[in-house]
N, C-alpha and C. Protein backbone atom coordinates (compact mmCIF):
# COMPACT_ATOMS: atom_id res chain seq x y z
N MET A 1 21.18 -19.10 21.59
CA MET A 1 20.44 -17.88 21.70
C MET A 1 19.20 -17.98 20.81
N PHE A 2 18.05 -17.60 21.35
CA PHE A 2 16.78 -17.68 20.64
C PHE A 2 16.49 -16.34 19.96
N LEU A 3 16.19 -16.37 18.68
CA LEU A 3 15.82 -15.17 17.95
C LEU A 3 14.35 -15.25 17.58
N SER A 4 13.68 -14.15 17.75
CA SER A 4 12.26 -14.08 17.41
C SER A 4 12.09 -14.16 15.89
N PRO A 5 11.10 -14.91 15.41
CA PRO A 5 10.88 -15.00 13.97
C PRO A 5 10.24 -13.75 13.39
N ALA A 6 9.69 -12.85 14.22
CA ALA A 6 8.99 -11.68 13.71
C ALA A 6 9.86 -10.80 12.82
N PRO A 7 11.09 -10.43 13.23
CA PRO A 7 11.91 -9.60 12.34
C PRO A 7 12.23 -10.29 11.01
N LEU A 8 12.44 -11.59 11.07
CA LEU A 8 12.73 -12.33 9.85
C LEU A 8 11.53 -12.32 8.91
N LEU A 9 10.34 -12.53 9.46
CA LEU A 9 9.13 -12.50 8.63
C LEU A 9 8.91 -11.13 8.04
N LEU A 10 9.11 -10.09 8.83
CA LEU A 10 8.93 -8.74 8.34
C LEU A 10 9.92 -8.43 7.22
N SER A 11 11.17 -8.80 7.41
CA SER A 11 12.17 -8.53 6.38
C SER A 11 11.86 -9.32 5.11
N THR A 12 11.33 -10.52 5.24
CA THR A 12 10.95 -11.30 4.07
C THR A 12 9.83 -10.62 3.31
N GLN A 13 8.84 -10.10 4.05
CA GLN A 13 7.74 -9.40 3.40
C GLN A 13 8.24 -8.16 2.68
N LEU A 14 9.17 -7.45 3.27
CA LEU A 14 9.69 -6.25 2.65
C LEU A 14 10.46 -6.57 1.38
N LEU A 15 11.20 -7.67 1.38
CA LEU A 15 11.91 -8.07 0.17
C LEU A 15 10.92 -8.42 -0.94
N LEU A 16 9.87 -9.13 -0.58
CA LEU A 16 8.85 -9.47 -1.57
C LEU A 16 8.16 -8.21 -2.08
N ALA A 17 7.95 -7.25 -1.18
CA ALA A 17 7.27 -6.02 -1.58
C ALA A 17 8.03 -5.28 -2.66
N ALA A 18 9.35 -5.40 -2.65
CA ALA A 18 10.14 -4.70 -3.65
C ALA A 18 10.02 -5.36 -5.02
N ASP A 19 9.70 -6.63 -5.08
CA ASP A 19 9.67 -7.38 -6.34
C ASP A 19 8.28 -7.50 -6.95
N GLU A 20 7.27 -7.57 -6.13
CA GLU A 20 5.91 -7.76 -6.65
C GLU A 20 4.92 -7.00 -5.80
N VAL A 21 3.78 -6.68 -6.40
CA VAL A 21 2.75 -5.96 -5.67
C VAL A 21 2.24 -6.84 -4.54
N PRO A 22 2.24 -6.33 -3.31
CA PRO A 22 1.79 -7.15 -2.18
C PRO A 22 0.28 -7.44 -2.26
N ARG A 23 -0.09 -8.55 -1.73
CA ARG A 23 -1.52 -8.92 -1.66
C ARG A 23 -2.09 -8.36 -0.37
N LEU A 24 -2.87 -7.32 -0.48
CA LEU A 24 -3.50 -6.71 0.68
C LEU A 24 -4.95 -7.15 0.73
N ASP A 25 -5.40 -7.57 1.90
CA ASP A 25 -6.79 -8.02 2.06
C ASP A 25 -7.68 -6.80 2.29
N TYR A 26 -7.91 -6.04 1.22
CA TYR A 26 -8.68 -4.82 1.34
C TYR A 26 -10.18 -5.07 1.50
N GLU A 27 -10.62 -6.30 1.27
CA GLU A 27 -12.04 -6.59 1.46
C GLU A 27 -12.46 -6.34 2.90
N ILE A 28 -11.59 -6.68 3.84
CA ILE A 28 -11.89 -6.44 5.25
C ILE A 28 -12.06 -4.94 5.53
N THR A 29 -11.26 -4.14 4.84
CA THR A 29 -11.35 -2.68 4.99
C THR A 29 -12.67 -2.19 4.41
N CYS A 30 -13.06 -2.71 3.27
CA CYS A 30 -14.31 -2.28 2.63
C CYS A 30 -15.53 -2.72 3.42
N ARG A 31 -15.45 -3.87 4.05
CA ARG A 31 -16.58 -4.33 4.87
C ARG A 31 -16.80 -3.42 6.07
N ALA A 32 -15.74 -2.79 6.54
CA ALA A 32 -15.83 -1.89 7.69
C ALA A 32 -16.15 -0.45 7.29
N ALA A 33 -16.18 -0.17 5.99
CA ALA A 33 -16.43 1.20 5.51
C ALA A 33 -17.83 1.66 5.89
N ARG A 34 -17.92 2.91 6.25
CA ARG A 34 -19.21 3.51 6.64
C ARG A 34 -19.64 4.51 5.57
N PRO A 35 -20.95 4.65 5.37
CA PRO A 35 -21.44 5.63 4.38
C PRO A 35 -21.01 7.05 4.75
N LEU A 36 -20.73 7.85 3.72
CA LEU A 36 -20.36 9.24 3.95
C LEU A 36 -21.59 10.14 4.03
N SER A 37 -22.72 9.65 3.51
CA SER A 37 -23.97 10.41 3.56
C SER A 37 -25.14 9.43 3.59
N ALA A 38 -26.32 9.95 3.84
CA ALA A 38 -27.51 9.10 3.87
C ALA A 38 -27.81 8.51 2.50
N GLN A 39 -27.39 9.19 1.45
CA GLN A 39 -27.64 8.72 0.09
C GLN A 39 -26.63 7.66 -0.35
N ASP A 40 -25.58 7.49 0.39
CA ASP A 40 -24.52 6.53 0.05
C ASP A 40 -24.97 5.13 0.47
N THR A 41 -25.54 4.40 -0.48
CA THR A 41 -26.09 3.07 -0.17
C THR A 41 -25.21 1.93 -0.68
N ARG A 42 -24.16 2.26 -1.42
CA ARG A 42 -23.30 1.23 -2.00
C ARG A 42 -21.87 1.38 -1.49
N THR A 43 -21.72 1.64 -0.21
CA THR A 43 -20.41 1.90 0.36
C THR A 43 -19.42 0.77 0.10
N TYR A 44 -19.83 -0.45 0.37
CA TYR A 44 -18.94 -1.60 0.19
C TYR A 44 -18.52 -1.73 -1.27
N GLN A 45 -19.46 -1.67 -2.19
CA GLN A 45 -19.14 -1.85 -3.61
C GLN A 45 -18.28 -0.72 -4.14
N THR A 46 -18.55 0.50 -3.71
CA THR A 46 -17.74 1.64 -4.12
C THR A 46 -16.31 1.47 -3.63
N CYS A 47 -16.16 1.05 -2.39
CA CYS A 47 -14.83 0.81 -1.81
C CYS A 47 -14.11 -0.29 -2.59
N MET A 48 -14.79 -1.38 -2.87
CA MET A 48 -14.17 -2.48 -3.61
C MET A 48 -13.75 -2.03 -5.02
N ASN A 49 -14.58 -1.23 -5.67
CA ASN A 49 -14.23 -0.71 -7.00
C ASN A 49 -12.97 0.15 -6.92
N ASP A 50 -12.91 1.02 -5.91
CA ASP A 50 -11.73 1.87 -5.73
C ASP A 50 -10.49 1.03 -5.47
N GLU A 51 -10.61 0.03 -4.61
CA GLU A 51 -9.47 -0.80 -4.24
C GLU A 51 -8.98 -1.67 -5.41
N THR A 52 -9.90 -2.26 -6.16
CA THR A 52 -9.47 -3.08 -7.29
C THR A 52 -8.87 -2.21 -8.40
N GLY A 53 -9.40 -1.00 -8.56
CA GLY A 53 -8.81 -0.08 -9.53
C GLY A 53 -7.39 0.32 -9.14
N ALA A 54 -7.20 0.59 -7.85
CA ALA A 54 -5.86 0.93 -7.35
C ALA A 54 -4.92 -0.25 -7.50
N ARG A 55 -5.42 -1.45 -7.23
CA ARG A 55 -4.60 -2.65 -7.37
C ARG A 55 -4.13 -2.80 -8.83
N SER A 56 -5.02 -2.60 -9.77
CA SER A 56 -4.67 -2.69 -11.20
C SER A 56 -3.62 -1.66 -11.57
N GLN A 57 -3.78 -0.45 -11.05
CA GLN A 57 -2.81 0.60 -11.33
C GLN A 57 -1.45 0.27 -10.71
N LEU A 58 -1.46 -0.29 -9.51
CA LEU A 58 -0.21 -0.71 -8.87
C LEU A 58 0.49 -1.77 -9.71
N GLU A 59 -0.25 -2.72 -10.24
CA GLU A 59 0.33 -3.78 -11.05
C GLU A 59 0.98 -3.21 -12.32
N ARG A 60 0.38 -2.19 -12.90
CA ARG A 60 0.94 -1.59 -14.11
C ARG A 60 2.16 -0.72 -13.82
N GLN A 61 2.21 -0.08 -12.66
CA GLN A 61 3.24 0.90 -12.37
C GLN A 61 4.28 0.46 -11.34
N TRP A 62 4.16 -0.72 -10.80
CA TRP A 62 4.98 -1.16 -9.67
C TRP A 62 6.48 -0.93 -9.88
N LEU A 63 6.99 -1.24 -11.04
CA LEU A 63 8.43 -1.13 -11.29
C LEU A 63 8.91 0.31 -11.37
N GLN A 64 8.01 1.26 -11.47
CA GLN A 64 8.38 2.67 -11.56
C GLN A 64 8.65 3.31 -10.20
N PHE A 65 8.25 2.62 -9.13
CA PHE A 65 8.38 3.21 -7.80
C PHE A 65 9.71 2.84 -7.17
N PRO A 66 10.30 3.75 -6.38
CA PRO A 66 11.56 3.46 -5.70
C PRO A 66 11.41 2.29 -4.72
N ALA A 67 12.39 1.40 -4.70
CA ALA A 67 12.33 0.22 -3.82
C ALA A 67 12.19 0.60 -2.36
N SER A 68 12.88 1.66 -1.94
CA SER A 68 12.81 2.07 -0.54
C SER A 68 11.39 2.48 -0.16
N ALA A 69 10.69 3.11 -1.09
CA ALA A 69 9.32 3.54 -0.82
C ALA A 69 8.36 2.36 -0.78
N LYS A 70 8.63 1.33 -1.58
CA LYS A 70 7.74 0.17 -1.62
C LYS A 70 7.59 -0.48 -0.25
N GLY A 71 8.70 -0.72 0.42
CA GLY A 71 8.64 -1.35 1.73
C GLY A 71 7.95 -0.47 2.76
N ARG A 72 8.32 0.82 2.78
CA ARG A 72 7.74 1.74 3.75
C ARG A 72 6.25 1.91 3.50
N CYS A 73 5.87 2.14 2.26
CA CYS A 73 4.46 2.36 1.94
C CYS A 73 3.61 1.11 2.16
N THR A 74 4.18 -0.06 1.90
CA THR A 74 3.44 -1.31 2.15
C THR A 74 3.14 -1.45 3.63
N GLN A 75 4.11 -1.13 4.47
CA GLN A 75 3.87 -1.17 5.92
C GLN A 75 2.79 -0.18 6.32
N GLU A 76 2.89 1.05 5.81
CA GLU A 76 1.92 2.09 6.16
C GLU A 76 0.51 1.73 5.70
N ALA A 77 0.40 1.11 4.53
CA ALA A 77 -0.91 0.77 3.98
C ALA A 77 -1.58 -0.38 4.72
N SER A 78 -0.83 -1.04 5.61
CA SER A 78 -1.37 -2.17 6.36
C SER A 78 -1.55 -1.86 7.84
N LEU A 79 -1.16 -0.68 8.27
CA LEU A 79 -1.24 -0.34 9.69
C LEU A 79 -2.69 -0.31 10.18
N GLY A 80 -2.86 -0.69 11.41
CA GLY A 80 -4.17 -0.61 12.03
C GLY A 80 -5.17 -1.65 11.57
N GLY A 81 -4.72 -2.64 10.84
CA GLY A 81 -5.61 -3.71 10.41
C GLY A 81 -6.58 -3.33 9.31
N SER A 82 -6.29 -2.22 8.61
CA SER A 82 -7.14 -1.78 7.51
C SER A 82 -6.32 -1.64 6.24
N PRO A 83 -5.93 -2.77 5.63
CA PRO A 83 -5.09 -2.70 4.43
C PRO A 83 -5.82 -2.02 3.28
N SER A 84 -5.04 -1.27 2.48
CA SER A 84 -5.66 -0.52 1.40
C SER A 84 -4.69 -0.32 0.24
N CYS A 85 -5.11 -0.77 -0.94
CA CYS A 85 -4.33 -0.53 -2.16
C CYS A 85 -4.38 0.94 -2.53
N VAL A 86 -5.49 1.61 -2.24
CA VAL A 86 -5.60 3.04 -2.52
C VAL A 86 -4.55 3.79 -1.70
N GLU A 87 -4.44 3.45 -0.43
CA GLU A 87 -3.45 4.09 0.43
C GLU A 87 -2.03 3.78 -0.03
N LEU A 88 -1.77 2.53 -0.42
CA LEU A 88 -0.46 2.14 -0.91
C LEU A 88 -0.10 2.92 -2.17
N LEU A 89 -1.02 3.00 -3.11
CA LEU A 89 -0.78 3.72 -4.35
C LEU A 89 -0.52 5.20 -4.08
N THR A 90 -1.31 5.80 -3.22
CA THR A 90 -1.14 7.21 -2.89
C THR A 90 0.23 7.47 -2.28
N CYS A 91 0.62 6.64 -1.33
CA CYS A 91 1.92 6.76 -0.69
C CYS A 91 3.05 6.66 -1.71
N LEU A 92 2.96 5.69 -2.60
CA LEU A 92 4.01 5.49 -3.61
C LEU A 92 4.06 6.65 -4.60
N GLN A 93 2.91 7.18 -4.98
CA GLN A 93 2.88 8.32 -5.90
C GLN A 93 3.52 9.55 -5.26
N ILE A 94 3.23 9.77 -4.00
CA ILE A 94 3.84 10.89 -3.28
C ILE A 94 5.34 10.70 -3.18
N ALA A 95 5.77 9.50 -2.84
CA ALA A 95 7.20 9.21 -2.72
C ALA A 95 7.89 9.43 -4.06
N LYS A 96 7.26 9.04 -5.14
CA LYS A 96 7.85 9.21 -6.47
C LYS A 96 7.92 10.68 -6.85
N ASP A 97 6.88 11.43 -6.51
CA ASP A 97 6.87 12.87 -6.81
C ASP A 97 7.92 13.62 -6.00
N VAL A 98 8.10 13.23 -4.76
CA VAL A 98 9.06 13.89 -3.89
C VAL A 98 10.48 13.56 -4.33
N ASP A 99 10.70 12.31 -4.72
CA ASP A 99 12.04 11.87 -5.10
C ASP A 99 11.96 10.97 -6.33
N PRO A 100 11.80 11.56 -7.52
CA PRO A 100 11.61 10.76 -8.73
C PRO A 100 12.75 9.80 -9.06
N GLY A 101 13.97 10.07 -8.60
CA GLY A 101 15.09 9.21 -8.92
C GLY A 101 15.29 8.09 -7.93
N GLY A 102 14.55 8.09 -6.84
CA GLY A 102 14.69 7.05 -5.84
C GLY A 102 15.87 7.24 -4.92
N GLU A 103 16.60 8.33 -5.07
CA GLU A 103 17.74 8.62 -4.21
C GLU A 103 17.38 9.75 -3.25
N PRO A 104 18.02 9.78 -2.10
CA PRO A 104 17.75 10.88 -1.16
C PRO A 104 18.08 12.23 -1.82
N THR A 105 17.15 13.15 -1.68
CA THR A 105 17.41 14.48 -2.23
C THR A 105 18.09 15.31 -1.16
N ARG A 106 19.08 16.08 -1.58
CA ARG A 106 19.82 16.93 -0.64
C ARG A 106 19.74 18.36 -1.12
N ARG A 107 19.53 19.22 -0.18
CA ARG A 107 19.50 20.65 -0.50
C ARG A 107 20.75 21.30 0.05
N PRO A 108 21.30 22.26 -0.69
CA PRO A 108 22.52 22.93 -0.21
C PRO A 108 22.28 23.73 1.04
């Protein structure tokens, strides 16, 4: 029986995501960024500054985030071919705020 390597590769990436900050190619996202106004002349550099800042923050805080959120947020931050550390960090911060203990919250 032939098994597709795609699920295996995806599961491997998710395991790595739980242990270390994933390497997202956010430069491609910044190259595609468009100015928000006519005065915005440094769109690429501003985007790169935001992304590298988010990457640094992820490296400092990575172990504080729930493992379940790491895999999910890493996938979400890479959807559509526009990887983003800013998006990954935001997703993880929301996940941590919603469930600080990393366990499913249940309401009576």
